[in-house]
């Protein structure tokens, strides 16, 4: 389950927060959050631009079918994100659509271990580049969102699944957005 909150402060300043947690698949559990501060610029050509910097933190673990933890760890992920796209374009009568492209660069630092005998440390630090796409459709106050992104580790060295933390190969989310206050 995920929740996102964004606040448009005066003078083109934006604040964003995200929380994601709960069971994912086959015993994997995660709790993670992000906090970011950014600057928004509307262009005259119909494309908007938003740059955001922030910090992500989280923890995860995997459960065995018997109920014990197979591994566990915590991470920190400072990031910068660039977004551009068109927002609020007419689709059909009162229906509007948004198309947003983003590029997120982050430094992923993970400290954890596998609960084996002997215990195996699982510590990783590497850069991530994450291109993404957001599509929205709906009205002035309520829209349905589809978001997808692909984290890429820009290195020729592979990650060892036993001693390195790995990120998911693709992220897909579906959600609803409610605008409160002034919505253009």
Foldseek 3Di string as FASTA:
>chain_A
DKDKDKDQDPPQKIKIKMWDWDDDDQQKTKTKMKIKIWGKDDDPVQKIKIKIWIKMKMKIFGADPVGDTQKIKIKMKTKMKIKMWGWFPDDDDQKGKIKMKMKMKIWIWMWMWGPDVVIATATDIAIKIKIKMKMWMDGQFKIKIKIKIAIDGPDPDDDDPHRYDDDDGMDIDIDMGGDDDDGD
